[in-house]
PDB file of N, CA and C in Angstrom:
ATOM      1  N   MET A   1       0.892  -1.158  -0.032  1.00  0.00           N
ATOM      2  CA  MET A   1      -0.033   0.129  -0.097  1.00  0.00           C
ATOM      3  C   MET A   1       0.963   1.304  -0.012  1.00  0.00           C
ATOM      4  N   ILE A   2       0.619   2.150  -0.893  1.00  0.00           N
ATOM      5  CA  ILE A   2       1.240   3.559  -0.978  1.00  0.00           C
ATOM      6  C   ILE A   2       1.248   4.312   0.298  1.00  0.00           C
ATOM      7  N   LEU A   3      -0.036   4.524   0.776  1.00  0.00           N
ATOM      8  CA  LEU A   3      -0.260   5.385   1.934  1.00  0.00           C
ATOM      9  C   LEU A   3      -0.458   4.412   3.030  1.00  0.00           C
ATOM     10  N   PRO A   4      -0.265   5.277   4.187  1.00  0.00           N
ATOM     11  CA  PRO A   4      -0.837   4.473   5.434  1.00  0.00           C
ATOM     12  C   PRO A   4      -2.196   4.761   5.404  1.00  0.00           C
ATOM     13  N   THR A   5      -2.720   3.527   6.399  1.00  0.00           N
ATOM     14  CA  THR A   5      -4.200   3.540   6.290  1.00  0.00           C
ATOM     15  C   THR A   5      -4.603   3.200   7.813  1.00  0.00           C
ATOM     16  N   LYS A   6      -5.716   2.848   8.135  1.00  0.00           N
ATOM     17  CA  LYS A   6      -6.022   2.448   9.603  1.00  0.00           C
ATOM     18  C   LYS A   6      -5.159   1.184   9.838  1.00  0.00           C
ATOM     19  N   TYR A   7      -5.162   0.336   8.831  1.00  0.00           N
ATOM     20  CA  TYR A   7      -4.726  -1.092   9.129  1.00  0.00           C
ATOM     21  C   TYR A   7      -2.994  -1.144   8.809  1.00  0.00           C
ATOM     22  N   ILE A   8      -2.797  -0.364   8.165  1.00  0.00           N
ATOM     23  CA  ILE A   8      -0.966  -0.293   7.645  1.00  0.00           C
ATOM     24  C   ILE A   8      -0.349   1.131   8.316  1.00  0.00           C
ATOM     25  N   PRO A   9       0.286   0.542   9.148  1.00  0.00           N
ATOM     26  CA  PRO A   9       1.157   1.944   9.753  1.00  0.00           C
ATOM     27  C   PRO A   9       2.069   2.500   8.722  1.00  0.00           C
ATOM     28  N   ALA A  10       2.406   3.935   9.229  1.00  0.00           N
ATOM     29  CA  ALA A  10       3.108   4.482   8.403  1.00  0.00           C
ATOM     30  C   ALA A  10       4.523   4.078   7.681  1.00  0.00           C
ATOM     31  N   HIS A  11       5.302   3.465   8.729  1.00  0.00           N
ATOM     32  CA  HIS A  11       6.643   2.842   8.483  1.00  0.00           C
ATOM     33  C   HIS A  11       6.208   1.706   7.440  1.00  0.00           C
ATOM     34  N   ASP A  12       5.335   1.188   7.336  1.00  0.00           N
ATOM     35  CA  ASP A  12       4.979  -0.036   6.487  1.00  0.00           C
ATOM     36  C   ASP A  12       4.517   0.531   5.248  1.00  0.00           C
ATOM     37  N   SER A  13       4.026   1.419   4.846  1.00  0.00           N
ATOM     38  CA  SER A  13       3.775   2.011   3.469  1.00  0.00           C
ATOM     39  C   SER A  13       5.048   2.327   2.698  1.00  0.00           C
ATOM     40  N   VAL A  14       4.689   2.440   1.627  1.00  0.00           N
ATOM     41  CA  VAL A  14       5.593   2.697   0.568  1.00  0.00           C
ATOM     42  C   VAL A  14       6.109   4.328   0.837  1.00  0.00           C
ATOM     43  N   LEU A  15       5.081   5.024   1.032  1.00  0.00           N
ATOM     44  CA  LEU A  15       5.566   6.756   1.570  1.00  0.00           C
ATOM     45  C   LEU A  15       6.358   6.411   2.651  1.00  0.00           C
ATOM     46  N   GLY A  16       6.185   5.691   3.811  1.00  0.00           N
ATOM     47  CA  GLY A  16       6.876   5.510   4.855  1.00  0.00           C
ATOM     48  C   GLY A  16       8.394   5.195   4.786  1.00  0.00           C
ATOM     49  N   ARG A  17       8.306   3.913   3.848  1.00  0.00           N
ATOM     50  CA  ARG A  17       9.448   3.453   3.551  1.00  0.00           C
ATOM     51  C   ARG A  17      10.603   4.526   2.683  1.00  0.00           C
ATOM     52  N   ALA A  18      10.012   5.200   2.016  1.00  0.00           N
ATOM     53  CA  ALA A  18      10.608   6.141   0.910  1.00  0.00           C
ATOM     54  C   ALA A  18      11.103   7.128   1.705  1.00  0.00           C
ATOM     55  N   ALA A  19      10.264   7.472   2.799  1.00  0.00           N
ATOM     56  CA  ALA A  19      10.797   8.603   3.846  1.00  0.00           C
ATOM     57  C   ALA A  19      12.158   8.234   4.610  1.00  0.00           C
ATOM     58  N   ALA A  20      11.976   6.760   4.794  1.00  0.00           N
ATOM     59  CA  ALA A  20      13.336   6.249   5.746  1.00  0.00           C
ATOM     60  C   ALA A  20      14.393   6.348   4.848  1.00  0.00           C
ATOM     61  N   LEU A  21      14.372   6.330   3.438  1.00  0.00           N
ATOM     62  CA  LEU A  21      15.446   6.486   2.437  1.00  0.00           C
ATOM     63  C   LEU A  21      16.153   8.001   2.713  1.00  0.00           C
ATOM     64  N   LEU A  22      15.306   8.761   2.923  1.00  0.00           N
ATOM     65  CA  LEU A  22      15.950  10.061   2.811  1.00  0.00           C
ATOM     66  C   LEU A  22      17.408  10.515   3.659  1.00  0.00           C
ATOM     67  N   PRO A  23      17.072   9.981   4.710  1.00  0.00           N
ATOM     68  CA  PRO A  23      18.439  10.285   5.567  1.00  0.00           C
ATOM     69  C   PRO A  23      19.487   9.621   5.292  1.00  0.00           C
ATOM     70  N   LEU A  24      19.251   8.621   4.430  1.00  0.00           N
ATOM     71  CA  LEU A  24      20.634   7.509   4.140  1.00  0.00           C
ATOM     72  C   LEU A  24      21.252   8.324   2.633  1.00  0.00           C
ATOM     73  N   ARG A  25      20.629   9.427   2.230  1.00  0.00           N
ATOM     74  CA  ARG A  25      21.579  10.036   1.033  1.00  0.00           C
ATOM     75  C   ARG A  25      23.003  10.320   1.460  1.00  0.00           C
ATOM     76  N   HIS A  26      23.848   9.733   0.611  1.00  0.00           N
ATOM     77  CA  HIS A  26      25.236  10.327   0.873  1.00  0.00           C
ATOM     78  C   HIS A  26      25.766  10.526  -0.506  1.00  0.00           C
ATOM     79  N   ASP A  27      26.928  10.711  -0.733  1.00  0.00           N
ATOM     80  CA  ASP A  27      27.519  10.886  -2.064  1.00  0.00           C
ATOM     81  C   ASP A  27      27.503   9.843  -3.107  1.00  0.00           C
ATOM     82  N   ASN A  28      26.128  10.005  -3.654  1.00  0.00           N
ATOM     83  CA  ASN A  28      25.831   8.957  -4.849  1.00  0.00           C
ATOM     84  C   ASN A  28      26.025   7.521  -4.774  1.00  0.00           C
ATOM     85  N   PRO A  29      25.494   6.960  -3.942  1.00  0.00           N
ATOM     86  CA  PRO A  29      25.441   5.507  -3.797  1.00  0.00           C
ATOM     87  C   PRO A  29      25.115   4.810  -4.954  1.00  0.00           C
ATOM     88  N   THR A  30      25.288   3.360  -5.185  1.00  0.00           N
ATOM     89  CA  THR A  30      24.612   2.625  -5.924  1.00  0.00           C
ATOM     90  C   THR A  30      23.481   2.237  -5.059  1.00  0.00           C
ATOM     91  N   VAL A  31      22.664   1.375  -6.062  1.00  0.00           N
ATOM     92  CA  VAL A  31      21.369   0.920  -5.437  1.00  0.00           C
ATOM     93  C   VAL A  31      21.828  -0.091  -4.348  1.00  0.00           C
ATOM     94  N   SER A  32      22.893  -1.039  -4.468  1.00  0.00           N
ATOM     95  CA  SER A  32      23.252  -1.956  -3.572  1.00  0.00           C
ATOM     96  C   SER A  32      23.824  -1.685  -2.392  1.00  0.00           C
ATOM     97  N   GLU A  33      24.364  -0.201  -2.468  1.00  0.00           N
ATOM     98  CA  GLU A  33      24.971   0.367  -1.087  1.00  0.00           C
ATOM     99  C   GLU A  33      23.832   0.822  -0.514  1.00  0.00           C
ATOM    100  N   LEU A  34      23.010   1.529  -1.047  1.00  0.00           N
ATOM    101  CA  LEU A  34      21.570   2.102  -0.599  1.00  0.00           C
ATOM    102  C   LEU A  34      21.014   0.880   0.129  1.00  0.00           C
ATOM    103  N   TRP A  35      20.699  -0.162  -0.307  1.00  0.00           N
ATOM    104  CA  TRP A  35      19.999  -1.229   0.136  1.00  0.00           C
ATOM    105  C   TRP A  35      20.740  -1.737   1.437  1.00  0.00           C
ATOM    106  N   SER A  36      21.922  -1.799   1.403  1.00  0.00           N
ATOM    107  CA  SER A  36      22.754  -2.531   2.477  1.00  0.00           C
ATOM    108  C   SER A  36      22.584  -1.427   3.707  1.00  0.00           C
ATOM    109  N   SER A  37      22.570  -0.083   3.486  1.00  0.00           N
ATOM    110  CA  SER A  37      22.433   0.979   4.548  1.00  0.00           C
ATOM    111  C   SER A  37      21.144   0.788   4.946  1.00  0.00           C
ATOM    112  N   TYR A  38      20.041   0.851   4.155  1.00  0.00           N
ATOM    113  CA  TYR A  38      18.683   0.404   4.609  1.00  0.00           C
ATOM    114  C   TYR A  38      18.332  -0.584   5.309  1.00  0.00           C
ATOM    115  N   ARG A  39      18.984  -1.726   5.069  1.00  0.00           N
ATOM    116  CA  ARG A  39      18.793  -3.071   5.650  1.00  0.00           C
ATOM    117  C   ARG A  39      19.101  -3.105   7.136  1.00  0.00           C
ATOM    118  N   GLU A  40      20.310  -2.382   7.390  1.00  0.00           N
ATOM    119  CA  GLU A  40      20.945  -2.272   8.708  1.00  0.00           C
ATOM    120  C   GLU A  40      19.623  -1.614   9.686  1.00  0.00           C
ATOM    121  N   GLY A  41      19.040  -0.723   9.158  1.00  0.00           N
ATOM    122  CA  GLY A  41      17.975  -0.070  10.278  1.00  0.00           C
ATOM    123  C   GLY A  41      16.692  -0.750   9.983  1.00  0.00           C
ATOM    124  N   HIS A  42      16.460  -1.419   9.016  1.00  0.00           N
ATOM    125  CA  HIS A  42      15.038  -2.186   8.669  1.00  0.00           C
ATOM    126  C   HIS A  42      15.475  -3.708   8.313  1.00  0.00           C
ATOM    127  N   PRO A  43      15.560  -4.468   9.201  1.00  0.00           N
ATOM    128  CA  PRO A  43      16.035  -5.812   9.016  1.00  0.00           C
ATOM    129  C   PRO A  43      14.802  -6.571   8.531  1.00  0.00           C
ATOM    130  N   ASP A  44      13.659  -6.091   8.723  1.00  0.00           N
ATOM    131  CA  ASP A  44      12.357  -6.823   8.312  1.00  0.00           C
ATOM    132  C   ASP A  44      12.106  -6.593   6.864  1.00  0.00           C
ATOM    133  N   ALA A  45      12.415  -5.526   6.401  1.00  0.00           N
ATOM    134  CA  ALA A  45      11.925  -5.065   5.155  1.00  0.00           C
ATOM    135  C   ALA A  45      12.624  -6.112   3.950  1.00  0.00           C
ATOM    136  N   SER A  46      11.851  -6.117   3.023  1.00  0.00           N
ATOM    137  CA  SER A  46      12.107  -7.162   1.812  1.00  0.00           C
ATOM    138  C   SER A  46      12.624  -6.136   0.697  1.00  0.00           C
ATOM    139  N   PHE A  47      13.528  -6.616  -0.127  1.00  0.00           N
ATOM    140  CA  PHE A  47      14.166  -6.024  -1.194  1.00  0.00           C
ATOM    141  C   PHE A  47      12.915  -5.343  -2.124  1.00  0.00           C
ATOM    142  N   ASP A  48      11.839  -6.246  -2.344  1.00  0.00           N
ATOM    143  CA  ASP A  48      10.622  -5.769  -3.226  1.00  0.00           C
ATOM    144  C   ASP A  48      10.100  -4.237  -2.402  1.00  0.00           C
ATOM    145  N   THR A  49       9.846  -4.289  -1.557  1.00  0.00           N
ATOM    146  CA  THR A  49       9.315  -3.080  -0.606  1.00  0.00           C
ATOM    147  C   THR A  49      10.408  -1.908  -0.698  1.00  0.00           C
ATOM    148  N   PHE A  50      11.614  -2.295  -0.692  1.00  0.00           N
ATOM    149  CA  PHE A  50      13.000  -1.093  -1.074  1.00  0.00           C
ATOM    150  C   PHE A  50      12.568  -0.721  -2.335  1.00  0.00           C
ATOM    151  N   ILE A  51      12.471  -1.354  -3.331  1.00  0.00           N
ATOM    152  CA  ILE A  51      12.586  -0.913  -4.582  1.00  0.00           C
ATOM    153  C   ILE A  51      11.098  -0.134  -4.977  1.00  0.00           C
ATOM    154  N   ASP A  52      10.005  -0.693  -4.253  1.00  0.00           N
ATOM    155  CA  ASP A  52       8.968   0.265  -4.249  1.00  0.00           C
ATOM    156  C   ASP A  52       9.132   1.648  -3.782  1.00  0.00           C
ATOM    157  N   ALA A  53       9.807   1.732  -2.515  1.00  0.00           N
ATOM    158  CA  ALA A  53      10.052   3.139  -2.199  1.00  0.00           C
ATOM    159  C   ALA A  53      11.091   3.745  -2.976  1.00  0.00           C
ATOM    160  N   LEU A  54      12.094   3.024  -3.583  1.00  0.00           N
ATOM    161  CA  LEU A  54      13.053   3.583  -4.513  1.00  0.00           C
ATOM    162  C   LEU A  54      12.385   4.340  -5.898  1.00  0.00           C
ATOM    163  N   THR A  55      11.469   3.466  -6.127  1.00  0.00           N
ATOM    164  CA  THR A  55      10.594   3.816  -7.408  1.00  0.00           C
ATOM    165  C   THR A  55       9.890   5.111  -7.163  1.00  0.00           C
ATOM    166  N   LEU A  56       9.295   5.088  -6.171  1.00  0.00           N
ATOM    167  CA  LEU A  56       8.269   6.245  -5.664  1.00  0.00           C
ATOM    168  C   LEU A  56       9.423   7.453  -5.596  1.00  0.00           C
ATOM    169  N   LEU A  57      10.380   7.592  -5.157  1.00  0.00           N
ATOM    170  CA  LEU A  57      11.439   8.567  -5.074  1.00  0.00           C
ATOM    171  C   LEU A  57      11.794   8.940  -6.439  1.00  0.00           C
ATOM    172  N   PHE A  58      12.146   8.012  -7.596  1.00  0.00           N
ATOM    173  CA  PHE A  58      12.324   8.438  -8.915  1.00  0.00           C
ATOM    174  C   PHE A  58      11.113   8.935  -9.616  1.00  0.00           C
ATOM    175  N   MET A  59       9.951   8.682  -9.131  1.00  0.00           N
ATOM    176  CA  MET A  59       8.793   9.265  -9.964  1.00  0.00           C
ATOM    177  C   MET A  59       8.678  10.612  -9.451  1.00  0.00           C
ATOM    178  N   ILE A  60       8.925  10.811  -8.457  1.00  0.00           N
ATOM    179  CA  ILE A  60       8.430  12.353  -8.037  1.00  0.00           C
ATOM    180  C   ILE A  60       9.978  13.141  -8.158  1.00  0.00           C
ATOM    181  N   GLY A  61      10.539  12.734  -8.647  1.00  0.00           N
ATOM    182  CA  GLY A  61      11.727  13.340  -9.006  1.00  0.00           C
ATOM    183  C   GLY A  61      12.844  13.707  -8.135  1.00  0.00           C
ATOM    184  N   LEU A  62      12.943  13.023  -6.842  1.00  0.00           N
ATOM    185  CA  LEU A  62      14.021  13.067  -6.182  1.00  0.00           C
ATOM    186  C   LEU A  62      15.510  12.521  -6.189  1.00  0.00           C
ATOM    187  N   VAL A  63      15.277  11.320  -7.137  1.00  0.00           N
ATOM    188  CA  VAL A  63      16.410  10.643  -7.519  1.00  0.00           C
ATOM    189  C   VAL A  63      16.440  10.231  -8.865  1.00  0.00           C
ATOM    190  N   THR A  64      17.430  10.111  -9.537  1.00  0.00           N
ATOM    191  CA  THR A  64      17.850   9.956 -10.748  1.00  0.00           C
ATOM    192  C   THR A  64      18.911   8.598 -10.786  1.00  0.00           C
ATOM    193  N   ILE A  65      19.024   7.977 -11.795  1.00  0.00           N
ATOM    194  CA  ILE A  65      19.968   6.989 -11.827  1.00  0.00           C
ATOM    195  C   ILE A  65      20.940   7.462 -13.142  1.00  0.00           C
ATOM    196  N   ASP A  66      22.217   7.567 -12.793  1.00  0.00           N
ATOM    197  CA  ASP A  66      23.255   8.154 -13.545  1.00  0.00           C
ATOM    198  C   ASP A  66      24.339   7.035 -13.863  1.00  0.00           C
ATOM    199  N   ARG A  67      24.864   6.233 -14.758  1.00  0.00           N
ATOM    200  CA  ARG A  67      25.670   5.490 -14.818  1.00  0.00           C
ATOM    201  C   ARG A  67      25.858   4.230 -13.656  1.00  0.00           C
ATOM    202  N   GLY A  68      24.598   3.973 -13.067  1.00  0.00           N
ATOM    203  CA  GLY A  68      24.755   3.054 -12.090  1.00  0.00           C
ATOM    204  C   GLY A  68      24.601   3.706 -10.766  1.00  0.00           C
ATOM    205  N   LEU A  69      24.816   4.986 -10.496  1.00  0.00           N
ATOM    206  CA  LEU A  69      24.883   5.912  -9.291  1.00  0.00           C
ATOM    207  C   LEU A  69      23.520   6.552  -9.179  1.00  0.00           C
ATOM    208  N   LEU A  70      23.256   6.598  -8.071  1.00  0.00           N
ATOM    209  CA  LEU A  70      21.953   7.287  -7.475  1.00  0.00           C
ATOM    210  C   LEU A  70      22.284   8.855  -7.638  1.00  0.00           C
ATOM    211  N   ARG A  71      21.695   9.603  -8.014  1.00  0.00           N
ATOM    212  CA  ARG A  71      21.736  11.089  -7.988  1.00  0.00           C
ATOM    213  C   ARG A  71      20.734  11.630  -7.186  1.00  0.00           C
ATOM    214  N   TRP A  72      20.791  12.318  -6.010  1.00  0.00           N
ATOM    215  CA  TRP A  72      19.940  12.928  -5.331  1.00  0.00           C
ATOM    216  C   TRP A  72      19.491  14.218  -5.741  1.00  0.00           C
ATOM    217  N   GLU A  73      18.408  14.677  -6.013  1.00  0.00           N
ATOM    218  CA  GLU A  73      17.892  15.979  -6.315  1.00  0.00           C
ATOM    219  C   GLU A  73      17.407  16.729  -4.970  1.00  0.00           C
ATOM    220  N   ALA A  74      17.532  17.967  -5.204  1.00  0.00           N
ATOM    221  CA  ALA A  74      17.293  18.800  -3.938  1.00  0.00           C
ATOM    222  C   ALA A  74      17.744  18.424  -2.582  1.00  0.00           C
TER     223      ALA A  74
END
């Protein structure tokens, strides 16, 4: 689910997981590096939910991919 609901807590929604990726921004990591950093703080997260969150950030223009590196906008 993209948004939190009465039954889905914010941290389990795609929006909540995308928000959890924002503090992990650093000098243009690869997707694998970002996944490793994210996994340390969220051991229960699956790669699919991580990719859903990263896709949301890509769709709203906060991240782009350039030669295998993530480029953070704003």
